[in-house]
C-alpha atoms as a PDB file:
ATOM      1  CA  MET A   1      -0.002  -0.007   0.008  1.00  0.00           C
ATOM      2  CA  GLY A   2       1.483   3.316  -1.028  1.00  0.00           C
ATOM      3  CA  ILE A   3       2.224   6.114   1.462  1.00  0.00           C
ATOM      4  CA  PHE A   4       0.740   9.460   0.560  1.00  0.00           C
ATOM      5  CA  LYS A   5       1.588  12.782   2.208  1.00  0.00           C
ATOM      6  CA  LYS A   6      -1.234  15.146   2.901  1.00  0.00           C
ATOM      7  CA  LYS A   7      -0.895  18.359   0.896  1.00  0.00           C
ATOM      8  CA  LYS A   8      -0.705  21.542   2.920  1.00  0.00           C
ATOM      9  CA  THR A   9      -3.483  24.001   2.450  1.00  0.00           C
ATOM     10  CA  PHE A  10      -2.745  27.610   1.613  1.00  0.00           C
ATOM     11  CA  SER A  11      -3.517  28.700   5.198  1.00  0.00           C
ATOM     12  CA  GLU A  12      -1.176  26.059   6.603  1.00  0.00           C
ATOM     13  CA  LYS A  13       1.665  27.211   4.327  1.00  0.00           C
ATOM     14  CA  GLU A  14       1.263  30.784   5.555  1.00  0.00           C
ATOM     15  CA  ASN A  15       1.270  29.843   9.234  1.00  0.00           C
ATOM     16  CA  LYS A  16       4.596  31.376  10.302  1.00  0.00           C
ATOM     17  CA  PRO A  17       6.109  31.485  13.790  1.00  0.00           C
ATOM     18  CA  TRP A  18       5.162  34.628  15.706  1.00  0.00           C
ATOM     19  CA  TYR A  19       8.717  35.902  15.880  1.00  0.00           C
ATOM     20  CA  ARG A  20       9.098  35.624  12.124  1.00  0.00           C
ATOM     21  CA  GLU A  21       5.920  37.568  11.513  1.00  0.00           C
ATOM     22  CA  TRP A  22       6.959  40.272  13.968  1.00  0.00           C
ATOM     23  CA  SER A  23      10.459  40.575  12.489  1.00  0.00           C
ATOM     24  CA  GLU A  24       9.143  40.830   8.944  1.00  0.00           C
ATOM     25  CA  ALA A  25       6.631  43.467   9.980  1.00  0.00           C
ATOM     26  CA  LEU A  26       9.382  45.414  11.759  1.00  0.00           C
ATOM     27  CA  ILE A  27      11.677  45.273   8.745  1.00  0.00           C
ATOM     28  CA  VAL A  28       8.885  46.522   6.467  1.00  0.00           C
ATOM     29  CA  ALA A  29       8.047  49.349   8.880  1.00  0.00           C
ATOM     30  CA  VAL A  30      11.676  50.457   9.109  1.00  0.00           C
ATOM     31  CA  ILE A  31      12.083  50.436   5.286  1.00  0.00           C
ATOM     32  CA  LEU A  32       8.915  52.480   4.883  1.00  0.00           C
ATOM     33  CA  ALA A  33      10.040  54.967   7.552  1.00  0.00           C
ATOM     34  CA  LEU A  34      13.418  55.396   5.835  1.00  0.00           C
ATOM     35  CA  ILE A  35      11.739  55.935   2.473  1.00  0.00           C
ATOM     36  CA  ILE A  36       9.359  58.573   3.919  1.00  0.00           C
ATOM     37  CA  ARG A  37      12.184  60.334   5.805  1.00  0.00           C
ATOM     38  CA  THR A  38      14.524  60.302   2.806  1.00  0.00           C
ATOM     39  CA  PHE A  39      12.193  61.265   0.033  1.00  0.00           C
ATOM     40  CA  LEU A  40       8.944  62.696   1.448  1.00  0.00           C
ATOM     41  CA  PHE A  41       8.769  64.211   4.921  1.00  0.00           C
ATOM     42  CA  GLN A  42      11.079  64.733   7.894  1.00  0.00           C
ATOM     43  CA  ALA A  43      10.452  66.021  11.391  1.00  0.00           C
ATOM     44  CA  PHE A  44      12.421  68.823  12.930  1.00  0.00           C
ATOM     45  CA  LYS A  45      12.422  70.630  16.316  1.00  0.00           C
ATOM     46  CA  ILE A  46      12.972  74.344  16.808  1.00  0.00           C
ATOM     47  CA  PRO A  47      15.857  74.858  19.287  1.00  0.00           C
ATOM     48  CA  SER A  48      16.249  78.633  19.159  1.00  0.00           C
ATOM     49  CA  GLY A  49      14.267  81.860  18.934  1.00  0.00           C
ATOM     50  CA  SER A  50      15.518  83.182  15.587  1.00  0.00           C
ATOM     51  CA  MET A  51      12.127  82.622  13.969  1.00  0.00           C
ATOM     52  CA  LEU A  52       9.971  84.153  16.765  1.00  0.00           C
ATOM     53  CA  ASP A  53       7.012  84.683  16.714  1.00  0.00           C
ATOM     54  CA  THR A  54       6.303  82.546  13.685  1.00  0.00           C
ATOM     55  CA  LEU A  55       7.982  79.529  15.371  1.00  0.00           C
ATOM     56  CA  LEU A  56       8.519  79.140  19.075  1.00  0.00           C
ATOM     57  CA  ILE A  57      11.214  77.186  20.909  1.00  0.00           C
ATOM     58  CA  GLY A  58       9.776  73.692  21.325  1.00  0.00           C
ATOM     59  CA  ASP A  59       7.718  73.689  18.127  1.00  0.00           C
ATOM     60  CA  HIS A  60       8.002  70.428  16.161  1.00  0.00           C
ATOM     61  CA  LEU A  61       7.668  70.740  12.399  1.00  0.00           C
ATOM     62  CA  LEU A  62       7.163  68.574   9.336  1.00  0.00           C
ATOM     63  CA  VAL A  63       9.302  69.433   6.323  1.00  0.00           C
ATOM     64  CA  ASN A  64       8.282  68.634   2.767  1.00  0.00           C
ATOM     65  CA  LYS A  65      11.415  67.153   1.197  1.00  0.00           C
ATOM     66  CA  PHE A  66      10.178  66.512  -2.347  1.00  0.00           C
ATOM     67  CA  ILE A  67       8.732  69.896  -3.240  1.00  0.00           C
ATOM     68  CA  TYR A  68      12.147  71.370  -4.136  1.00  0.00           C
ATOM     69  CA  GLY A  69      13.544  68.137  -5.569  1.00  0.00           C
ATOM     70  CA  THR A  70      14.370  64.680  -4.304  1.00  0.00           C
ATOM     71  CA  HIS A  71      17.567  63.028  -5.387  1.00  0.00           C
ATOM     72  CA  ILE A  72      17.007  59.774  -7.258  1.00  0.00           C
ATOM     73  CA  PRO A  73      19.463  57.058  -6.173  1.00  0.00           C
ATOM     74  CA  PHE A  74      22.062  55.987  -8.733  1.00  0.00           C
ATOM     75  CA  ALA A  75      21.256  58.946 -10.970  1.00  0.00           C
ATOM     76  CA  ASP A  76      23.589  61.883 -10.422  1.00  0.00           C
ATOM     77  CA  ASP A  77      22.090  65.371 -10.616  1.00  0.00           C
ATOM     78  CA  THR A  78      18.600  64.023 -11.298  1.00  0.00           C
ATOM     79  CA  TYR A  79      15.812  65.284  -9.148  1.00  0.00           C
ATOM     80  CA  LEU A  80      12.036  65.052  -8.928  1.00  0.00           C
ATOM     81  CA  LYS A  81      10.934  68.649  -8.382  1.00  0.00           C
ATOM     82  CA  MET A  82       7.627  70.505  -8.075  1.00  0.00           C
ATOM     83  CA  ARG A  83       9.103  74.047  -7.864  1.00  0.00           C
ATOM     84  CA  ASP A  84      12.104  76.123  -6.751  1.00  0.00           C
ATOM     85  CA  PRO A  85      12.195  77.910  -3.377  1.00  0.00           C
ATOM     86  CA  GLU A  86      10.268  81.175  -3.463  1.00  0.00           C
ATOM     87  CA  ARG A  87      10.573  84.424  -1.552  1.00  0.00           C
ATOM     88  CA  GLY A  88       8.677  83.992   1.713  1.00  0.00           C
ATOM     89  CA  ASP A  89       9.209  80.206   2.023  1.00  0.00           C
ATOM     90  CA  VAL A  90      10.363  78.926   5.394  1.00  0.00           C
ATOM     91  CA  ILE A  91      13.136  76.412   4.679  1.00  0.00           C
ATOM     92  CA  VAL A  92      15.311  73.965   6.578  1.00  0.00           C
ATOM     93  CA  PHE A  93      18.888  73.696   5.376  1.00  0.00           C
ATOM     94  CA  GLU A  94      22.279  72.501   6.410  1.00  0.00           C
ATOM     95  CA  PHE A  95      24.352  75.359   7.792  1.00  0.00           C
ATOM     96  CA  PRO A  96      26.800  76.274   4.983  1.00  0.00           C
ATOM     97  CA  ASP A  97      29.740  76.824   7.335  1.00  0.00           C
ATOM     98  CA  ASP A  98      29.482  73.220   8.464  1.00  0.00           C
ATOM     99  CA  GLU A  99      30.803  72.027   5.127  1.00  0.00           C
ATOM    100  CA  GLY A 100      33.497  69.443   5.638  1.00  0.00           C
ATOM    101  CA  LYS A 101      32.470  68.568   9.186  1.00  0.00           C
ATOM    102  CA  SER A 102      31.412  65.081  10.194  1.00  0.00           C
ATOM    103  CA  TYR A 103      27.755  64.100   9.945  1.00  0.00           C
ATOM    104  CA  PHE A 104      27.209  64.454  13.696  1.00  0.00           C
ATOM    105  CA  GLN A 105      28.722  67.986  13.753  1.00  0.00           C
ATOM    106  CA  ARG A 106      26.517  69.397  10.996  1.00  0.00           C
ATOM    107  CA  ARG A 107      23.634  71.619  12.061  1.00  0.00           C
ATOM    108  CA  ASP A 108      20.252  72.273  10.510  1.00  0.00           C
ATOM    109  CA  PHE A 109      19.014  75.869  10.373  1.00  0.00           C
ATOM    110  CA  ILE A 110      15.518  77.179   9.645  1.00  0.00           C
ATOM    111  CA  LYS A 111      15.009  80.636   8.096  1.00  0.00           C
ATOM    112  CA  ARG A 112      12.780  82.483   5.622  1.00  0.00           C
ATOM    113  CA  VAL A 113      13.804  83.048   1.985  1.00  0.00           C
ATOM    114  CA  ILE A 114      14.222  86.731   1.319  1.00  0.00           C
ATOM    115  CA  GLY A 115      16.297  86.754  -1.860  1.00  0.00           C
ATOM    116  CA  THR A 116      16.190  84.337  -4.798  1.00  0.00           C
ATOM    117  CA  PRO A 117      18.818  83.910  -7.536  1.00  0.00           C
ATOM    118  CA  GLY A 118      19.490  87.206  -9.309  1.00  0.00           C
ATOM    119  CA  ASP A 119      17.894  89.427  -6.629  1.00  0.00           C
ATOM    120  CA  THR A 120      19.756  92.351  -5.135  1.00  0.00           C
ATOM    121  CA  ILE A 121      19.388  92.609  -1.355  1.00  0.00           C
ATOM    122  CA  GLU A 122      20.137  95.648   0.774  1.00  0.00           C
ATOM    123  CA  ILE A 123      19.369  96.501   4.403  1.00  0.00           C
ATOM    124  CA  LYS A 124      19.220 100.092   5.676  1.00  0.00           C
ATOM    125  CA  ALA A 125      18.305 100.887   9.286  1.00  0.00           C
ATOM    126  CA  LYS A 126      16.646  97.470   9.689  1.00  0.00           C
ATOM    127  CA  LYS A 127      14.556  97.911   6.526  1.00  0.00           C
ATOM    128  CA  VAL A 128      15.009  95.242   3.835  1.00  0.00           C
ATOM    129  CA  TYR A 129      15.094  96.195   0.142  1.00  0.00           C
ATOM    130  CA  VAL A 130      14.767  93.643  -2.644  1.00  0.00           C
ATOM    131  CA  ASN A 131      15.739  94.932  -6.083  1.00  0.00           C
ATOM    132  CA  GLY A 132      15.468  98.498  -4.749  1.00  0.00           C
ATOM    133  CA  GLU A 133      11.964  98.061  -3.405  1.00  0.00           C
ATOM    134  CA  PRO A 134      11.049  97.821   0.320  1.00  0.00           C
ATOM    135  CA  TYR A 135      10.207  94.303   1.356  1.00  0.00           C
ATOM    136  CA  ASN A 136       8.022  94.127   4.435  1.00  0.00           C
ATOM    137  CA  ILE A 137       6.255  91.007   5.687  1.00  0.00           C
ATOM    138  CA  PRO A 138       3.830  90.698   8.628  1.00  0.00           C
ATOM    139  CA  GLN A 139       5.918  87.899  10.224  1.00  0.00           C
ATOM    140  CA  GLU A 140       9.024  90.049  10.834  1.00  0.00           C
ATOM    141  CA  ILE A 141       9.533  91.441  14.313  1.00  0.00           C
ATOM    142  CA  HIS A 142      12.117  93.714  15.961  1.00  0.00           C
ATOM    143  CA  LYS A 143      12.688  93.195  19.657  1.00  0.00           C
ATOM    144  CA  ASP A 144      15.581  95.647  19.906  1.00  0.00           C
ATOM    145  CA  SER A 145      14.775  99.345  19.252  1.00  0.00           C
ATOM    146  CA  GLN A 146      18.475 100.209  18.879  1.00  0.00           C
ATOM    147  CA  VAL A 147      19.806 100.578  15.346  1.00  0.00           C
ATOM    148  CA  VAL A 148      23.322  99.137  15.028  1.00  0.00           C
ATOM    149  CA  PRO A 149      25.590 101.279  12.825  1.00  0.00           C
ATOM    150  CA  PRO A 150      27.345  99.645   9.853  1.00  0.00           C
ATOM    151  CA  VAL A 151      30.743  99.858  11.548  1.00  0.00           C
ATOM    152  CA  ALA A 152      29.462  97.619  14.367  1.00  0.00           C
ATOM    153  CA  GLY A 153      28.222  94.819  12.119  1.00  0.00           C
ATOM    154  CA  PRO A 154      25.798  93.865   9.322  1.00  0.00           C
ATOM    155  CA  ARG A 155      22.707  93.331  11.429  1.00  0.00           C
ATOM    156  CA  ASP A 156      20.914  96.597  10.545  1.00  0.00           C
ATOM    157  CA  TYR A 157      22.928  97.748   7.535  1.00  0.00           C
ATOM    158  CA  THR A 158      24.265  95.708   4.619  1.00  0.00           C
ATOM    159  CA  LYS A 159      25.581  96.935   1.314  1.00  0.00           C
ATOM    160  CA  PRO A 160      23.716  95.774  -1.807  1.00  0.00           C
ATOM    161  CA  VAL A 161      24.550  92.142  -2.614  1.00  0.00           C
ATOM    162  CA  LYS A 162      23.402  90.136  -5.601  1.00  0.00           C
ATOM    163  CA  VAL A 163      22.215  86.600  -4.915  1.00  0.00           C
ATOM    164  CA  PRO A 164      24.273  84.143  -7.019  1.00  0.00           C
ATOM    165  CA  ALA A 165      22.743  81.499  -9.251  1.00  0.00           C
ATOM    166  CA  ASP A 166      21.346  78.466  -7.383  1.00  0.00           C
ATOM    167  CA  SER A 167      21.597  80.300  -4.092  1.00  0.00           C
ATOM    168  CA  TYR A 168      19.301  82.068  -1.621  1.00  0.00           C
ATOM    169  CA  PHE A 169      19.482  84.942   0.895  1.00  0.00           C
ATOM    170  CA  VAL A 170      17.694  83.962   4.126  1.00  0.00           C
ATOM    171  CA  MET A 171      16.753  85.735   7.336  1.00  0.00           C
ATOM    172  CA  GLY A 172      15.029  84.883  10.599  1.00  0.00           C
ATOM    173  CA  ASP A 173      11.688  86.510  11.375  1.00  0.00           C
ATOM    174  CA  ASN A 174      13.133  87.620  14.720  1.00  0.00           C
ATOM    175  CA  ARG A 175      15.350  90.093  12.808  1.00  0.00           C
ATOM    176  CA  ASP A 176      17.345  91.499  15.730  1.00  0.00           C
ATOM    177  CA  PHE A 177      18.287  88.075  17.094  1.00  0.00           C
ATOM    178  CA  SER A 178      18.906  85.889  14.083  1.00  0.00           C
ATOM    179  CA  PHE A 179      22.187  84.573  12.809  1.00  0.00           C
ATOM    180  CA  ASP A 180      21.510  84.449   9.041  1.00  0.00           C
ATOM    181  CA  SER A 181      22.683  85.468   5.567  1.00  0.00           C
ATOM    182  CA  ARG A 182      23.600  88.949   6.791  1.00  0.00           C
ATOM    183  CA  PHE A 183      26.453  87.387   8.729  1.00  0.00           C
ATOM    184  CA  TRP A 184      27.557  84.268   6.805  1.00  0.00           C
ATOM    185  CA  GLY A 185      26.301  84.628   3.245  1.00  0.00           C
ATOM    186  CA  PHE A 186      24.049  82.601   0.925  1.00  0.00           C
ATOM    187  CA  VAL A 187      22.498  79.134   1.037  1.00  0.00           C
ATOM    188  CA  HIS A 188      23.175  76.988  -2.011  1.00  0.00           C
ATOM    189  CA  LYS A 189      20.233  74.949  -3.212  1.00  0.00           C
ATOM    190  CA  SER A 190      22.163  71.717  -2.573  1.00  0.00           C
ATOM    191  CA  LYS A 191      22.044  72.487   1.197  1.00  0.00           C
ATOM    192  CA  ILE A 192      18.255  72.930   1.353  1.00  0.00           C
ATOM    193  CA  LYS A 193      16.424  70.001   2.918  1.00  0.00           C
ATOM    194  CA  GLY A 194      12.887  71.149   2.343  1.00  0.00           C
ATOM    195  CA  LEU A 195       9.947  73.420   3.014  1.00  0.00           C
ATOM    196  CA  ALA A 196       8.591  73.682   6.615  1.00  0.00           C
ATOM    197  CA  PHE A 197       4.843  73.541   6.243  1.00  0.00           C
ATOM    198  CA  ILE A 198       3.110  72.460   9.450  1.00  0.00           C
ATOM    199  CA  LYS A 199       3.546  72.380  13.239  1.00  0.00           C
ATOM    200  CA  TYR A 200       2.589  68.856  14.364  1.00  0.00           C
ATOM    201  CA  TRP A 201       3.557  69.290  18.020  1.00  0.00           C
ATOM    202  CA  SER A 202       4.538  72.116  20.376  1.00  0.00           C
ATOM    203  CA  TRP A 203       6.027  71.802  23.856  1.00  0.00           C
ATOM    204  CA  ASP A 204       6.928  74.599  26.267  1.00  0.00           C
ATOM    205  CA  GLY A 205       9.706  73.253  28.435  1.00  0.00           C
ATOM    206  CA  LYS A 206       9.541  76.222  30.830  1.00  0.00           C
ATOM    207  CA  ALA A 207       5.829  76.001  31.587  1.00  0.00           C
ATOM    208  CA  ASP A 208       4.010  74.096  34.325  1.00  0.00           C
ATOM    209  CA  LEU A 209       3.289  70.470  33.590  1.00  0.00           C
ATOM    210  CA  VAL A 210      -0.342  71.135  32.716  1.00  0.00           C
ATOM    211  CA  GLU A 211       0.526  73.989  30.365  1.00  0.00           C
ATOM    212  CA  LYS A 212       3.542  72.437  28.626  1.00  0.00           C
ATOM    213  CA  ILE A 213       1.573  71.301  25.604  1.00  0.00           C
ATOM    214  CA  ARG A 214       0.663  74.243  23.362  1.00  0.00           C
ATOM    215  CA  TRP A 215      -2.559  72.830  22.037  1.00  0.00           C
ATOM    216  CA  ASN A 216      -3.400  75.917  19.991  1.00  0.00           C
ATOM    217  CA  ARG A 217      -0.285  75.466  17.846  1.00  0.00           C
ATOM    218  CA  ILE A 218      -0.634  71.795  16.988  1.00  0.00           C
ATOM    219  CA  GLY A 219      -1.654  71.143  13.372  1.00  0.00           C
ATOM    220  CA  ARG A 220      -1.262  74.809  12.355  1.00  0.00           C
ATOM    221  CA  PRO A 221       0.348  75.626   8.988  1.00  0.00           C
ATOM    222  CA  ILE A 222       3.516  77.715   8.837  1.00  0.00           C
ATOM    223  CA  ASP A 223       2.993  81.044   7.070  1.00  0.00           C
END
């Protein structure tokens, strides 16, 4: 009499040990997270007050990484892009002066685009001029009434400078307390990580426990 083996049903074939199912699910989740972080969105935290009052210390942001162009692996200088940075955009970028430092020493800055390629920027007595015309935005604030003379630094006075190709002139909304293009120059497009577009969390580390979460800022777009 012949010996016959019972064929496994489809459900029996898919019955994997629990640890294998968990490990596979974890691997898939990690891969998806890396894809999202690399090509789509990335979270950032505001550590300083240079963008007050638009962004507060403790705000957590999402940055759109594909709007200005996402690098396609194994294809040099090829990007998927919706548009270039525009005047008024709030961008996250790698600090230009950190070029050549190790990965762990590089810092991310967040500022507002004031000058785009080809623009001429000048600052006189705190007032910003773009291509000879005053450029005022409702988000800018001045917390120091003193006007610093040109001899003391470029904060309140800068000579006309033309923004080079593929570069941007950026400033913090907290104009009197922002370390930006007035002091260290332009941001090349290769250093830009993306457009900050929404506050997904906000935490006031100095407030009482009950008041630490800034509920009124969560989910608000960044103007």
